[in-house]
Amino acid sequence: MGLWGFEPDEEQDFVTGESETSFAYDPETEWSWSKLALRVLLTPITLGLDCLTCPIQVVLFASDDEDAHCHCHR
């Protein structure tokens, strides 16, 4: 998402206290034909890297709260 000008934005739910990451567009993102072509060419590479690193991301960023509510081991 950063490739296309979207930056992560951390939001917190005041009721539950949980934080959630969303992406907000950065209005200072520069646009030109050469940068657009570069973004189009780099998109498949970034998606491929994201798919390859998905298992690592799950292990690193998994919430401990999800494991606490798992009843499958009973």
PDB file of N, CA and C in Angstrom:
ATOM      1  N   MET A   1       0.831  -1.192   0.000  1.00  0.00           N
ATOM      2  CA  MET A   1       0.000   0.000   0.000  1.00  0.00           C
ATOM      3  C   MET A   1       0.875   1.255   0.000  1.00  0.00           C
ATOM      4  N   GLY A   2       2.030   1.160   0.630  1.00  0.00           N
ATOM      5  CA  GLY A   2       2.936   2.295   0.648  1.00  0.00           C
ATOM      6  C   GLY A   2       3.446   2.651  -0.735  1.00  0.00           C
ATOM      7  N   LEU A   3       3.526   1.674  -1.607  1.00  0.00           N
ATOM      8  CA  LEU A   3       3.975   1.902  -2.974  1.00  0.00           C
ATOM      9  C   LEU A   3       3.044   2.861  -3.715  1.00  0.00           C
ATOM     10  N   TRP A   4       1.764   2.800  -3.385  1.00  0.00           N
ATOM     11  CA  TRP A   4       0.770   3.632  -4.067  1.00  0.00           C
ATOM     12  C   TRP A   4       0.399   4.889  -3.291  1.00  0.00           C
ATOM     13  N   GLY A   5       1.112   5.179  -2.198  1.00  0.00           N
ATOM     14  CA  GLY A   5       0.880   6.431  -1.474  1.00  0.00           C
ATOM     15  C   GLY A   5      -0.021   6.316  -0.273  1.00  0.00           C
ATOM     16  N   PHE A   6      -0.232   5.113   0.234  1.00  0.00           N
ATOM     17  CA  PHE A   6      -1.052   4.935   1.419  1.00  0.00           C
ATOM     18  C   PHE A   6      -0.154   4.595   2.605  1.00  0.00           C
ATOM     19  N   GLU A   7      -0.322   5.315   3.684  1.00  0.00           N
ATOM     20  CA  GLU A   7       0.491   5.116   4.880  1.00  0.00           C
ATOM     21  C   GLU A   7      -0.359   4.459   5.972  1.00  0.00           C
ATOM     22  N   PRO A   8       0.251   3.604   6.803  1.00  0.00           N
ATOM     23  CA  PRO A   8      -0.510   2.979   7.889  1.00  0.00           C
ATOM     24  C   PRO A   8      -0.966   4.019   8.914  1.00  0.00           C
ATOM     25  N   ASP A   9      -2.173   3.853   9.388  1.00  0.00           N
ATOM     26  CA  ASP A   9      -2.765   4.748  10.369  1.00  0.00           C
ATOM     27  C   ASP A   9      -3.323   3.892  11.495  1.00  0.00           C
ATOM     28  N   GLU A  10      -2.817   4.065  12.681  1.00  0.00           N
ATOM     29  CA  GLU A  10      -3.233   3.269  13.844  1.00  0.00           C
ATOM     30  C   GLU A  10      -4.441   3.932  14.506  1.00  0.00           C
ATOM     31  N   GLU A  11      -5.517   3.178  14.652  1.00  0.00           N
ATOM     32  CA  GLU A  11      -6.728   3.680  15.299  1.00  0.00           C
ATOM     33  C   GLU A  11      -7.043   2.793  16.493  1.00  0.00           C
ATOM     34  N   GLN A  12      -7.572   3.406  17.556  1.00  0.00           N
ATOM     35  CA  GLN A  12      -7.914   2.635  18.740  1.00  0.00           C
ATOM     36  C   GLN A  12      -9.405   2.777  19.023  1.00  0.00           C
ATOM     37  N   ASP A  13     -10.044   1.626  19.242  1.00  0.00           N
ATOM     38  CA  ASP A  13     -11.460   1.600  19.584  1.00  0.00           C
ATOM     39  C   ASP A  13     -11.581   1.919  21.070  1.00  0.00           C
ATOM     40  N   PHE A  14     -12.278   2.994  21.395  1.00  0.00           N
ATOM     41  CA  PHE A  14     -12.368   3.422  22.787  1.00  0.00           C
ATOM     42  C   PHE A  14     -13.261   2.508  23.623  1.00  0.00           C
ATOM     43  N   VAL A  15     -14.146   1.773  22.996  1.00  0.00           N
ATOM     44  CA  VAL A  15     -15.040   0.872  23.724  1.00  0.00           C
ATOM     45  C   VAL A  15     -14.297  -0.395  24.134  1.00  0.00           C
ATOM     46  N   THR A  16     -13.626  -1.029  23.176  1.00  0.00           N
ATOM     47  CA  THR A  16     -12.942  -2.291  23.463  1.00  0.00           C
ATOM     48  C   THR A  16     -11.478  -2.100  23.843  1.00  0.00           C
ATOM     49  N   GLY A  17     -10.900  -0.961  23.482  1.00  0.00           N
ATOM     50  CA  GLY A  17      -9.498  -0.704  23.772  1.00  0.00           C
ATOM     51  C   GLY A  17      -8.533  -1.360  22.797  1.00  0.00           C
ATOM     52  N   GLU A  18      -9.043  -2.044  21.778  1.00  0.00           N
ATOM     53  CA  GLU A  18      -8.189  -2.704  20.793  1.00  0.00           C
ATOM     54  C   GLU A  18      -7.762  -1.711  19.722  1.00  0.00           C
ATOM     55  N   SER A  19      -6.551  -1.895  19.231  1.00  0.00           N
ATOM     56  CA  SER A  19      -6.073  -1.020  18.162  1.00  0.00           C
ATOM     57  C   SER A  19      -6.232  -1.725  16.827  1.00  0.00           C
ATOM     58  N   GLU A  20      -6.430  -0.919  15.805  1.00  0.00           N
ATOM     59  CA  GLU A  20      -6.635  -1.443  14.457  1.00  0.00           C
ATOM     60  C   GLU A  20      -5.843  -0.584  13.484  1.00  0.00           C
ATOM     61  N   THR A  21      -5.176  -1.234  12.560  1.00  0.00           N
ATOM     62  CA  THR A  21      -4.401  -0.513  11.562  1.00  0.00           C
ATOM     63  C   THR A  21      -5.211  -0.372  10.279  1.00  0.00           C
ATOM     64  N   SER A  22      -5.301   0.850   9.803  1.00  0.00           N
ATOM     65  CA  SER A  22      -5.933   1.117   8.519  1.00  0.00           C
ATOM     66  C   SER A  22      -4.934   1.925   7.681  1.00  0.00           C
ATOM     67  N   PHE A  23      -5.252   2.146   6.442  1.00  0.00           N
ATOM     68  CA  PHE A  23      -4.350   2.884   5.569  1.00  0.00           C
ATOM     69  C   PHE A  23      -5.033   4.164   5.117  1.00  0.00           C
ATOM     70  N   ALA A  24      -4.307   5.276   5.217  1.00  0.00           N
ATOM     71  CA  ALA A  24      -4.817   6.576   4.798  1.00  0.00           C
ATOM     72  C   ALA A  24      -3.939   7.102   3.666  1.00  0.00           C
ATOM     73  N   TYR A  25      -4.567   7.741   2.703  1.00  0.00           N
ATOM     74  CA  TYR A  25      -3.834   8.268   1.556  1.00  0.00           C
ATOM     75  C   TYR A  25      -2.997   9.469   1.984  1.00  0.00           C
ATOM     76  N   ASP A  26      -1.741   9.489   1.576  1.00  0.00           N
ATOM     77  CA  ASP A  26      -0.843  10.601   1.841  1.00  0.00           C
ATOM     78  C   ASP A  26      -0.979  11.611   0.700  1.00  0.00           C
ATOM     79  N   PRO A  27      -1.520  12.792   0.969  1.00  0.00           N
ATOM     80  CA  PRO A  27      -1.739  13.761  -0.111  1.00  0.00           C
ATOM     81  C   PRO A  27      -0.442  14.304  -0.712  1.00  0.00           C
ATOM     82  N   GLU A  28       0.698  14.076  -0.068  1.00  0.00           N
ATOM     83  CA  GLU A  28       1.973  14.557  -0.594  1.00  0.00           C
ATOM     84  C   GLU A  28       2.642  13.553  -1.533  1.00  0.00           C
ATOM     85  N   THR A  29       1.936  12.492  -1.905  1.00  0.00           N
ATOM     86  CA  THR A  29       2.469  11.500  -2.831  1.00  0.00           C
ATOM     87  C   THR A  29       2.665  12.129  -4.199  1.00  0.00           C
ATOM     88  N   GLU A  30       3.876  11.952  -4.745  1.00  0.00           N
ATOM     89  CA  GLU A  30       4.186  12.526  -6.053  1.00  0.00           C
ATOM     90  C   GLU A  30       3.703  11.596  -7.163  1.00  0.00           C
ATOM     91  N   TRP A  31       3.104  12.184  -8.200  1.00  0.00           N
ATOM     92  CA  TRP A  31       2.599  11.412  -9.327  1.00  0.00           C
ATOM     93  C   TRP A  31       3.201  11.950 -10.617  1.00  0.00           C
ATOM     94  N   SER A  32       3.694  11.062 -11.419  1.00  0.00           N
ATOM     95  CA  SER A  32       4.154  11.369 -12.770  1.00  0.00           C
ATOM     96  C   SER A  32       4.031  10.083 -13.572  1.00  0.00           C
ATOM     97  N   TRP A  33       4.175  10.177 -14.896  1.00  0.00           N
ATOM     98  CA  TRP A  33       4.031   8.984 -15.730  1.00  0.00           C
ATOM     99  C   TRP A  33       5.126   7.971 -15.438  1.00  0.00           C
ATOM    100  N   SER A  34       6.333   8.439 -15.183  1.00  0.00           N
ATOM    101  CA  SER A  34       7.424   7.497 -14.895  1.00  0.00           C
ATOM    102  C   SER A  34       7.220   6.808 -13.539  1.00  0.00           C
ATOM    103  N   LYS A  35       6.736   7.555 -12.552  1.00  0.00           N
ATOM    104  CA  LYS A  35       6.484   6.943 -11.245  1.00  0.00           C
ATOM    105  C   LYS A  35       5.291   5.996 -11.299  1.00  0.00           C
ATOM    106  N   LEU A  36       4.301   6.316 -12.111  1.00  0.00           N
ATOM    107  CA  LEU A  36       3.163   5.427 -12.281  1.00  0.00           C
ATOM    108  C   LEU A  36       3.599   4.115 -12.929  1.00  0.00           C
ATOM    109  N   ALA A  37       4.432   4.205 -13.960  1.00  0.00           N
ATOM    110  CA  ALA A  37       4.924   2.997 -14.619  1.00  0.00           C
ATOM    111  C   ALA A  37       5.763   2.156 -13.655  1.00  0.00           C
ATOM    112  N   LEU A  38       6.594   2.798 -12.856  1.00  0.00           N
ATOM    113  CA  LEU A  38       7.404   2.082 -11.874  1.00  0.00           C
ATOM    114  C   LEU A  38       6.521   1.390 -10.843  1.00  0.00           C
ATOM    115  N   ARG A  39       5.459   2.063 -10.394  1.00  0.00           N
ATOM    116  CA  ARG A  39       4.541   1.462  -9.420  1.00  0.00           C
ATOM    117  C   ARG A  39       3.821   0.253 -10.013  1.00  0.00           C
ATOM    118  N   VAL A  40       3.423   0.365 -11.281  1.00  0.00           N
ATOM    119  CA  VAL A  40       2.743  -0.760 -11.939  1.00  0.00           C
ATOM    120  C   VAL A  40       3.694  -1.943 -12.072  1.00  0.00           C
ATOM    121  N   LEU A  41       4.956  -1.689 -12.410  1.00  0.00           N
ATOM    122  CA  LEU A  41       5.936  -2.766 -12.552  1.00  0.00           C
ATOM    123  C   LEU A  41       6.303  -3.403 -11.213  1.00  0.00           C
ATOM    124  N   LEU A  42       6.337  -2.620 -10.153  1.00  0.00           N
ATOM    125  CA  LEU A  42       6.728  -3.140  -8.839  1.00  0.00           C
ATOM    126  C   LEU A  42       5.588  -3.823  -8.085  1.00  0.00           C
ATOM    127  N   THR A  43       4.345  -3.593  -8.484  1.00  0.00           N
ATOM    128  CA  THR A  43       3.210  -4.188  -7.773  1.00  0.00           C
ATOM    129  C   THR A  43       3.252  -5.719  -7.758  1.00  0.00           C
ATOM    130  N   PRO A  44       3.487  -6.427  -8.869  1.00  0.00           N
ATOM    131  CA  PRO A  44       3.548  -7.898  -8.794  1.00  0.00           C
ATOM    132  C   PRO A  44       4.687  -8.397  -7.893  1.00  0.00           C
ATOM    133  N   ILE A  45       5.797  -7.685  -7.889  1.00  0.00           N
ATOM    134  CA  ILE A  45       6.916  -8.079  -7.034  1.00  0.00           C
ATOM    135  C   ILE A  45       6.547  -7.940  -5.569  1.00  0.00           C
ATOM    136  N   THR A  46       5.911  -6.834  -5.206  1.00  0.00           N
ATOM    137  CA  THR A  46       5.532  -6.641  -3.801  1.00  0.00           C
ATOM    138  C   THR A  46       4.455  -7.636  -3.379  1.00  0.00           C
ATOM    139  N   LEU A  47       3.530  -7.960  -4.271  1.00  0.00           N
ATOM    140  CA  LEU A  47       2.507  -8.955  -3.927  1.00  0.00           C
ATOM    141  C   LEU A  47       3.123 -10.341  -3.752  1.00  0.00           C
ATOM    142  N   GLY A  48       4.095 -10.680  -4.601  1.00  0.00           N
ATOM    143  CA  GLY A  48       4.789 -11.959  -4.472  1.00  0.00           C
ATOM    144  C   GLY A  48       5.568 -12.050  -3.167  1.00  0.00           C
ATOM    145  N   LEU A  49       6.273 -10.985  -2.814  1.00  0.00           N
ATOM    146  CA  LEU A  49       6.999 -10.980  -1.542  1.00  0.00           C
ATOM    147  C   LEU A  49       6.053 -11.068  -0.350  1.00  0.00           C
ATOM    148  N   ASP A  50       4.905 -10.416  -0.468  1.00  0.00           N
ATOM    149  CA  ASP A  50       3.917 -10.483   0.605  1.00  0.00           C
ATOM    150  C   ASP A  50       3.401 -11.906   0.786  1.00  0.00           C
ATOM    151  N   CYS A  51       3.152 -12.606  -0.309  1.00  0.00           N
ATOM    152  CA  CYS A  51       2.690 -13.999  -0.232  1.00  0.00           C
ATOM    153  C   CYS A  51       3.777 -14.917   0.338  1.00  0.00           C
ATOM    154  N   LEU A  52       5.028 -14.678  -0.052  1.00  0.00           N
ATOM    155  CA  LEU A  52       6.122 -15.502   0.460  1.00  0.00           C
ATOM    156  C   LEU A  52       6.374 -15.295   1.952  1.00  0.00           C
ATOM    157  N   THR A  53       6.187 -14.076   2.422  1.00  0.00           N
ATOM    158  CA  THR A  53       6.462 -13.778   3.825  1.00  0.00           C
ATOM    159  C   THR A  53       5.214 -13.859   4.703  1.00  0.00           C
ATOM    160  N   CYS A  54       4.090 -14.253   4.146  1.00  0.00           N
ATOM    161  CA  CYS A  54       2.843 -14.339   4.912  1.00  0.00           C
ATOM    162  C   CYS A  54       2.954 -15.221   6.152  1.00  0.00           C
ATOM    163  N   PRO A  55       3.529 -16.425   6.076  1.00  0.00           N
ATOM    164  CA  PRO A  55       3.636 -17.242   7.294  1.00  0.00           C
ATOM    165  C   PRO A  55       4.472 -16.568   8.391  1.00  0.00           C
ATOM    166  N   ILE A  56       5.513 -15.868   7.988  1.00  0.00           N
ATOM    167  CA  ILE A  56       6.343 -15.169   8.972  1.00  0.00           C
ATOM    168  C   ILE A  56       5.559 -14.022   9.602  1.00  0.00           C
ATOM    169  N   GLN A  57       4.772 -13.306   8.797  1.00  0.00           N
ATOM    170  CA  GLN A  57       3.966 -12.212   9.317  1.00  0.00           C
ATOM    171  C   GLN A  57       2.926 -12.717  10.312  1.00  0.00           C
ATOM    172  N   VAL A  58       2.339 -13.864  10.044  1.00  0.00           N
ATOM    173  CA  VAL A  58       1.335 -14.428  10.942  1.00  0.00           C
ATOM    174  C   VAL A  58       1.964 -14.749  12.295  1.00  0.00           C
ATOM    175  N   VAL A  59       3.155 -15.338  12.276  1.00  0.00           N
ATOM    176  CA  VAL A  59       3.824 -15.698  13.526  1.00  0.00           C
ATOM    177  C   VAL A  59       4.223 -14.444  14.300  1.00  0.00           C
ATOM    178  N   LEU A  60       4.756 -13.440  13.608  1.00  0.00           N
ATOM    179  CA  LEU A  60       5.249 -12.246  14.288  1.00  0.00           C
ATOM    180  C   LEU A  60       4.140 -11.329  14.794  1.00  0.00           C
ATOM    181  N   PHE A  61       3.065 -11.222  14.029  1.00  0.00           N
ATOM    182  CA  PHE A  61       2.036 -10.243  14.361  1.00  0.00           C
ATOM    183  C   PHE A  61       0.739 -10.848  14.883  1.00  0.00           C
ATOM    184  N   ALA A  62       0.721 -12.140  15.184  1.00  0.00           N
ATOM    185  CA  ALA A  62      -0.490 -12.764  15.711  1.00  0.00           C
ATOM    186  C   ALA A  62      -0.762 -12.232  17.109  1.00  0.00           C
ATOM    187  N   SER A  63      -1.994 -11.962  17.361  1.00  0.00           N
ATOM    188  CA  SER A  63      -2.395 -11.450  18.667  1.00  0.00           C
ATOM    189  C   SER A  63      -2.507 -12.600  19.661  1.00  0.00           C
ATOM    190  N   ASP A  64      -2.022 -12.388  20.880  1.00  0.00           N
ATOM    191  CA  ASP A  64      -2.132 -13.404  21.916  1.00  0.00           C
ATOM    192  C   ASP A  64      -3.580 -13.589  22.352  1.00  0.00           C
ATOM    193  N   ASP A  65      -4.423 -12.575  22.144  1.00  0.00           N
ATOM    194  CA  ASP A  65      -5.830 -12.679  22.529  1.00  0.00           C
ATOM    195  C   ASP A  65      -6.552 -13.739  21.715  1.00  0.00           C
ATOM    196  N   GLU A  66      -6.163 -13.914  20.462  1.00  0.00           N
ATOM    197  CA  GLU A  66      -6.811 -14.926  19.618  1.00  0.00           C
ATOM    198  C   GLU A  66      -6.534 -16.320  20.148  1.00  0.00           C
ATOM    199  N   ASP A  67      -5.326 -16.560  20.640  1.00  0.00           N
ATOM    200  CA  ASP A  67      -4.972 -17.878  21.176  1.00  0.00           C
ATOM    201  C   ASP A  67      -5.662 -18.140  22.502  1.00  0.00           C
ATOM    202  N   ALA A  68      -5.931 -17.093  23.261  1.00  0.00           N
ATOM    203  CA  ALA A  68      -6.552 -17.253  24.567  1.00  0.00           C
ATOM    204  C   ALA A  68      -7.994 -17.742  24.453  1.00  0.00           C
ATOM    205  N   HIS A  69      -8.658 -17.415  23.348  1.00  0.00           N
ATOM    206  CA  HIS A  69     -10.062 -17.787  23.188  1.00  0.00           C
ATOM    207  C   HIS A  69     -10.251 -19.052  22.373  1.00  0.00           C
ATOM    208  N   CYS A  70      -9.164 -19.729  22.034  1.00  0.00           N
ATOM    209  CA  CYS A  70      -9.252 -20.954  21.252  1.00  0.00           C
ATOM    210  C   CYS A  70      -9.665 -22.106  22.158  1.00  0.00           C
ATOM    211  N   HIS A  71     -10.755 -22.764  21.802  1.00  0.00           N
ATOM    212  CA  HIS A  71     -11.261 -23.885  22.610  1.00  0.00           C
ATOM    213  C   HIS A  71     -11.018 -25.228  21.909  1.00  0.00           C
ATOM    214  N   CYS A  72     -10.167 -25.228  20.880  1.00  0.00           N
ATOM    215  CA  CYS A  72      -9.989 -26.436  20.105  1.00  0.00           C
ATOM    216  C   CYS A  72      -9.098 -27.457  20.809  1.00  0.00           C
ATOM    217  N   HIS A  73      -8.392 -27.071  21.844  1.00  0.00           N
ATOM    218  CA  HIS A  73      -7.483 -28.005  22.535  1.00  0.00           C
ATOM    219  C   HIS A  73      -8.114 -28.634  23.769  1.00  0.00           C
ATOM    220  N   ARG A  74      -9.372 -28.440  23.961  1.00  0.00           N
ATOM    221  CA  ARG A  74     -10.039 -29.017  25.140  1.00  0.00           C
ATOM    222  C   ARG A  74     -10.498 -30.422  24.878  1.00  0.00           C
TER     223      ARG A  74
END
